[in-house]
């Protein structure tokens, strides 16, 4: 019964449709009022029917006051890491420490190349994301006055001035499935954010956790410091979510939705039921 020591949290994952822009913002407000912990927005810059996610995050941050916010996930080939670090820290400061940073290595390479981004092999994509995380963390670390230099293969900074520092320790979560990406989670990230619909079966969560835990230990990190999140395709029974929490240590459940009714039910009915089931089983 894995327990990584994180409290159960529940989130809405919203589709940033430009056609329904006001509705997207309204749903974020509904999620906050209902008591959800987090609102995320899919980030597909190459999708012309979608709002730009960073612009939307900023707008929603100004329209809310307590709910935490994140992209789900930002494709690093189209989000230069030094610029992304400054944007994330700035929004975290402006929102009162409510931003988290979820990143992906990329995958839809035709679409990415169509926007002028690089076309990378799977190995290159993981290596580039590794370099990006190093740059982002260094840019946030203002404890020293020195500049940063990273002669990376994919990202090169030479004299990067650090800052601003975020308002809180922003978590870096990775959407990851294959072993090299999972090892990167264990070595360098703060959370693992897969999607249930992309897993061949729930048992893949156990396999992923094992790889992450081993990589974390090898890097001198505690596996308990790494958050285990999960994107759900839609509403799910409380019993299923409790089983995922108990069997795989999942502590953040993010539901894709376009419905205020689903958001309210998720927050006021399913979330308390899952917490009760998990608590009862762990007391037994």
Protein backbone atom coordinates (compact mmCIF):
# COMPACT_ATOMS: atom_id res chain seq x y z
CA UNK A 1 0.00 0.00 0.00
CA UNK A 2 2.23 2.87 -1.23
CA UNK A 3 1.88 6.13 0.69
CA UNK A 4 4.24 8.89 -0.38
CA UNK A 5 2.94 11.16 2.37
CA UNK A 6 1.02 13.68 0.26
CA UNK A 7 -2.55 14.68 1.03
CA UNK A 8 -5.19 13.83 -1.56
CA UNK A 9 -5.96 16.67 -3.94
CA UNK A 10 -8.45 17.06 -6.75
CA UNK A 11 -8.26 19.19 -9.89
CA UNK A 12 -10.10 20.18 -13.05
CA UNK A 13 -8.25 19.96 -16.36
CA UNK A 14 -9.92 22.42 -18.74
CA UNK A 15 -9.73 22.67 -22.52
CA UNK A 16 -8.71 26.23 -23.49
CA UNK A 17 -11.18 26.62 -26.35
CA UNK A 18 -11.07 30.10 -27.90
CA UNK A 19 -14.69 29.69 -28.94
CA UNK A 20 -15.71 29.17 -25.30
CA UNK A 21 -13.23 31.58 -23.71
CA UNK A 22 -15.61 33.13 -21.18
CA UNK A 23 -16.92 29.68 -20.26
CA UNK A 24 -13.39 28.41 -19.60
CA UNK A 25 -12.75 31.25 -17.17
CA UNK A 26 -16.17 30.71 -15.56
CA UNK A 27 -15.37 27.01 -15.06
CA UNK A 28 -12.13 27.92 -13.31
CA UNK A 29 -14.13 30.11 -10.93
CA UNK A 30 -16.60 27.28 -10.37
CA UNK A 31 -13.71 24.97 -9.50
CA UNK A 32 -12.39 27.47 -6.97
CA UNK A 33 -15.78 28.03 -5.33
CA UNK A 34 -16.44 24.28 -5.20
CA UNK A 35 -13.18 23.72 -3.33
CA UNK A 36 -10.97 22.01 -5.88
CA UNK A 37 -7.27 22.34 -5.17
CA UNK A 38 -6.00 22.93 -8.69
CA UNK A 39 -7.11 24.04 -12.15
CA UNK A 40 -5.00 23.07 -15.15
CA UNK A 41 -5.23 23.94 -18.84
CA UNK A 42 -4.07 21.85 -21.74
CA UNK A 43 -1.22 23.52 -23.64
CA UNK A 44 -1.14 22.97 -27.40
CA UNK A 45 0.30 26.15 -28.98
CA UNK A 46 -0.05 24.64 -32.47
CA UNK A 47 -3.82 24.29 -32.03
CA UNK A 48 -5.38 27.47 -33.52
CA UNK A 49 -8.76 26.73 -31.90
CA UNK A 50 -7.17 27.06 -28.45
CA UNK A 51 -6.30 30.13 -26.42
CA UNK A 52 -2.64 30.58 -25.60
CA UNK A 53 -2.24 28.79 -22.29
CA UNK A 54 0.17 31.25 -20.68
CA UNK A 55 -2.11 34.15 -21.48
CA UNK A 56 -5.07 32.20 -20.11
CA UNK A 57 -3.20 31.26 -16.92
CA UNK A 58 -2.45 34.91 -16.29
CA UNK A 59 -6.05 35.95 -16.91
CA UNK A 60 -7.45 33.23 -14.66
CA UNK A 61 -4.92 34.02 -11.93
CA UNK A 62 -6.31 37.56 -11.87
CA UNK A 63 -9.89 36.24 -11.80
CA UNK A 64 -9.33 33.86 -8.87
CA UNK A 65 -7.71 34.10 -5.46
CA UNK A 66 -7.11 30.68 -3.89
CA UNK A 67 -7.05 27.85 -6.43
CA UNK A 68 -3.66 26.72 -7.70
CA UNK A 69 -2.95 26.81 -11.44
CA UNK A 70 -0.82 24.90 -13.95
CA UNK A 71 -0.47 24.03 -17.61
CA UNK A 72 -1.03 20.38 -18.47
CA UNK A 73 1.59 20.14 -19.88
CA UNK A 74 3.81 22.81 -21.48
CA UNK A 75 5.71 21.43 -24.51
CA UNK A 76 9.27 22.51 -23.83
CA UNK A 77 10.26 22.62 -27.56
CA UNK A 78 7.91 25.61 -27.93
CA UNK A 79 8.57 27.22 -24.54
CA UNK A 80 12.22 28.38 -24.33
CA UNK A 81 13.33 27.49 -20.78
CA UNK A 82 14.97 30.79 -19.79
CA UNK A 83 11.88 32.72 -20.87
CA UNK A 84 9.59 30.12 -19.32
CA UNK A 85 11.41 30.38 -16.00
CA UNK A 86 10.89 34.15 -15.90
CA UNK A 87 7.24 33.86 -16.96
CA UNK A 88 6.51 31.19 -14.34
CA UNK A 89 8.23 33.07 -11.53
CA UNK A 90 6.47 36.30 -12.49
CA UNK A 91 3.03 34.68 -12.52
CA UNK A 92 3.76 32.93 -9.23
CA UNK A 93 4.62 36.28 -7.64
CA UNK A 94 1.56 38.01 -9.10
CA UNK A 95 -0.80 35.19 -8.06
CA UNK A 96 0.44 34.93 -4.50
CA UNK A 97 2.35 31.66 -4.97
CA UNK A 98 -0.33 29.68 -6.83
CA UNK A 99 1.53 28.43 -9.91
CA UNK A 100 2.97 24.98 -10.58
CA UNK A 101 4.94 24.05 -13.71
CA UNK A 102 4.13 20.88 -15.65
CA UNK A 103 6.38 20.12 -18.62
CA UNK A 104 6.51 17.69 -21.50
CA UNK A 105 9.35 16.73 -23.82
CA UNK A 106 7.21 17.12 -26.95
CA UNK A 107 5.76 14.53 -29.27
CA UNK A 108 3.63 16.00 -32.04
CA UNK A 109 6.72 16.84 -34.04
CA UNK A 110 5.01 17.81 -37.30
CA UNK A 111 2.91 20.36 -35.44
CA UNK A 112 5.88 21.59 -33.42
CA UNK A 113 8.03 21.94 -36.55
CA UNK A 114 5.16 23.72 -38.25
CA UNK A 115 5.44 26.46 -35.63
CA UNK A 116 9.18 26.75 -36.16
CA UNK A 117 10.14 24.47 -33.30
CA UNK A 118 12.80 21.75 -33.44
CA UNK A 119 12.12 18.21 -34.58
CA UNK A 120 13.76 15.87 -32.06
CA UNK A 121 14.28 12.16 -31.65
CA UNK A 122 12.97 10.62 -28.41
CA UNK A 123 16.47 10.63 -26.92
CA UNK A 124 17.08 14.24 -27.96
CA UNK A 125 13.72 15.27 -26.51
CA UNK A 126 14.56 13.85 -23.08
CA UNK A 127 18.06 15.35 -23.13
CA UNK A 128 16.62 18.75 -24.08
CA UNK A 129 14.07 18.59 -21.27
CA UNK A 130 16.85 17.71 -18.81
CA UNK A 131 18.80 20.79 -19.92
CA UNK A 132 15.65 22.92 -19.71
CA UNK A 133 15.00 21.89 -16.10
CA UNK A 134 18.57 22.80 -15.17
CA UNK A 135 18.14 26.25 -16.70
CA UNK A 136 14.75 26.85 -15.07
CA UNK A 137 15.95 25.86 -11.61
CA UNK A 138 19.11 27.92 -11.95
CA UNK A 139 17.15 30.97 -13.13
CA UNK A 140 14.97 30.76 -10.01
CA UNK A 141 17.95 30.38 -7.66
CA UNK A 142 18.84 33.96 -6.73
CA UNK A 143 20.75 33.08 -3.57
CA UNK A 144 24.00 33.90 -5.33
CA UNK A 145 24.73 36.87 -7.51
CA UNK A 146 26.60 34.94 -10.18
CA UNK A 147 25.37 34.44 -13.71
CA UNK A 148 24.65 31.04 -15.18
CA UNK A 149 26.34 29.25 -18.03
CA UNK A 150 25.15 25.99 -19.55
CA UNK A 151 26.82 24.90 -22.78
CA UNK A 152 24.05 22.46 -23.58
CA UNK A 153 23.48 20.73 -26.87
CA UNK A 154 19.88 21.90 -27.17
CA UNK A 155 19.80 24.96 -24.91
CA UNK A 156 22.77 27.20 -24.33
CA UNK A 157 22.90 30.08 -21.86
CA UNK A 158 26.04 32.13 -21.43
CA UNK A 159 25.80 34.72 -18.70
CA UNK A 160 22.13 34.25 -17.78
CA UNK A 161 21.19 36.65 -14.99
CA UNK A 162 19.12 34.85 -12.37
CA UNK A 163 15.65 35.93 -11.31
CA UNK A 164 13.09 36.77 -10.44
CA UNK A 165 12.72 34.19 -7.69
CA UNK A 166 9.20 32.73 -7.47
CA UNK A 167 7.00 33.42 -4.47
CA UNK A 168 7.07 29.75 -3.43
CA UNK A 169 9.00 26.64 -4.44
CA UNK A 170 7.26 25.94 -7.75
CA UNK A 171 6.87 22.25 -8.37
CA UNK A 172 8.15 20.94 -11.69
CA UNK A 173 5.97 18.03 -12.83
CA UNK A 174 6.70 15.92 -15.89
CA UNK A 175 4.38 14.08 -18.23
CA UNK A 176 6.38 10.86 -18.63
CA UNK A 177 5.86 7.27 -19.80
CA UNK A 178 9.09 5.71 -21.01
CA UNK A 179 12.06 4.67 -18.86
CA UNK A 180 14.42 7.56 -19.68
CA UNK A 181 11.71 10.13 -18.95
CA UNK A 182 10.73 8.31 -15.76
CA UNK A 183 14.35 8.33 -14.61
CA UNK A 184 14.44 12.06 -15.29
CA UNK A 185 11.40 12.46 -13.02
CA UNK A 186 13.20 10.62 -10.24
CA UNK A 187 16.44 12.51 -10.74
CA UNK A 188 15.24 16.06 -11.34
CA UNK A 189 11.48 16.64 -11.02
CA UNK A 190 8.98 17.21 -8.21
CA UNK A 191 6.06 15.28 -9.66
CA UNK A 192 4.97 12.64 -12.17
CA UNK A 193 1.91 13.54 -14.27
CA UNK A 194 0.81 10.76 -16.65
CA UNK A 195 -2.63 10.41 -18.25
CA UNK A 196 -4.65 7.30 -17.46
CA UNK A 197 -5.86 7.11 -21.06
CA UNK A 198 -2.26 6.74 -22.29
CA UNK A 199 -1.40 3.88 -19.96
CA UNK A 200 -1.88 0.36 -21.27
CA UNK A 201 -3.27 -0.60 -17.84
CA UNK A 202 -3.13 0.73 -14.25
CA UNK A 203 -0.26 -1.67 -13.56
CA UNK A 204 1.95 0.65 -15.59
CA UNK A 205 1.68 3.08 -12.67
CA UNK A 206 3.44 0.57 -10.44
CA UNK A 207 6.17 0.05 -13.03
CA UNK A 208 6.63 3.82 -13.42
CA UNK A 209 6.75 4.37 -9.67
CA UNK A 210 9.44 1.71 -9.33
CA UNK A 211 11.63 3.36 -11.98
CA UNK A 212 11.11 6.81 -10.47
CA UNK A 213 11.84 5.62 -6.92
CA UNK A 214 15.02 3.85 -7.99
CA UNK A 215 16.26 6.90 -9.93
CA UNK A 216 15.46 9.21 -7.02
CA UNK A 217 17.37 7.03 -4.56
CA UNK A 218 20.35 6.83 -6.94
CA UNK A 219 20.37 10.63 -7.12
CA UNK A 220 20.28 10.94 -3.34
CA UNK A 221 16.67 12.11 -3.29
CA UNK A 222 13.75 10.78 -1.29
CA UNK A 223 11.03 9.19 -3.45
CA UNK A 224 8.54 10.62 -0.95
CA UNK A 225 9.39 14.11 -2.18
CA UNK A 226 7.98 13.32 -5.64
CA UNK A 227 4.27 13.95 -6.09
CA UNK A 228 2.25 11.31 -7.98
CA UNK A 229 -0.46 12.92 -10.10
CA UNK A 230 -2.84 11.41 -12.62
CA UNK A 231 -4.90 12.88 -15.45
CA UNK A 232 -8.28 11.20 -15.69
CA UNK A 233 -10.17 11.05 -18.97
CA UNK A 234 -13.35 12.14 -17.20
CA UNK A 235 -15.42 11.39 -14.10
CA UNK A 236 -14.56 8.13 -12.32
CA UNK A 237 -16.09 6.22 -9.40
CA UNK A 238 -14.79 7.00 -5.93
CA UNK A 239 -13.85 3.36 -5.45
CA UNK A 240 -11.58 3.44 -8.52
CA UNK A 241 -9.79 6.58 -7.37
CA UNK A 242 -9.38 5.22 -3.85
CA UNK A 243 -7.86 2.04 -5.30
CA UNK A 244 -5.41 4.09 -7.38
CA UNK A 245 -4.41 6.07 -4.29
CA UNK A 246 -3.98 2.98 -2.13
CA UNK A 247 -2.30 0.76 -4.71
CA UNK A 248 -0.10 3.29 -6.50
CA UNK A 249 0.24 6.25 -4.15
CA UNK A 250 -1.57 8.65 -6.48
CA UNK A 251 -2.46 11.77 -4.52
CA UNK A 252 -3.59 14.29 -7.16
CA UNK A 253 -6.47 13.42 -9.49
CA UNK A 254 -7.12 15.75 -12.43
CA UNK A 255 -10.38 15.36 -14.34
CA UNK A 256 -10.85 16.58 -17.90
CA UNK A 257 -14.18 18.38 -18.03
CA UNK A 258 -16.25 21.06 -19.73
CA UNK A 259 -19.09 20.88 -17.19
CA UNK A 260 -19.76 22.94 -14.09
CA UNK A 261 -21.97 20.11 -12.82
CA UNK A 262 -19.09 17.62 -13.11
CA UNK A 263 -16.75 20.04 -11.34
CA UNK A 264 -19.13 20.57 -8.44
CA UNK A 265 -19.86 16.86 -8.09
CA UNK A 266 -16.14 16.02 -8.27
CA UNK A 267 -15.37 18.53 -5.50
CA UNK A 268 -18.33 18.03 -3.18
CA UNK A 269 -19.21 14.34 -3.61
CA UNK A 270 -16.37 12.32 -5.13
CA UNK A 271 -13.42 14.00 -3.40
CA UNK A 272 -14.80 13.55 0.15
CA UNK A 273 -15.81 9.97 -0.65
CA UNK A 274 -12.32 9.11 -1.93
CA UNK A 275 -10.70 10.69 1.12
CA UNK A 276 -12.97 8.70 3.44
CA UNK A 277 -12.30 5.40 1.66
CA UNK A 278 -8.53 5.92 1.67
CA UNK A 279 -8.45 7.04 5.29
CA UNK A 280 -10.53 4.06 6.41
CA UNK A 281 -8.32 1.58 4.57
CA UNK A 282 -5.11 3.09 5.95
CA UNK A 283 -6.48 2.97 9.49
CA UNK A 284 -7.41 -0.69 9.13
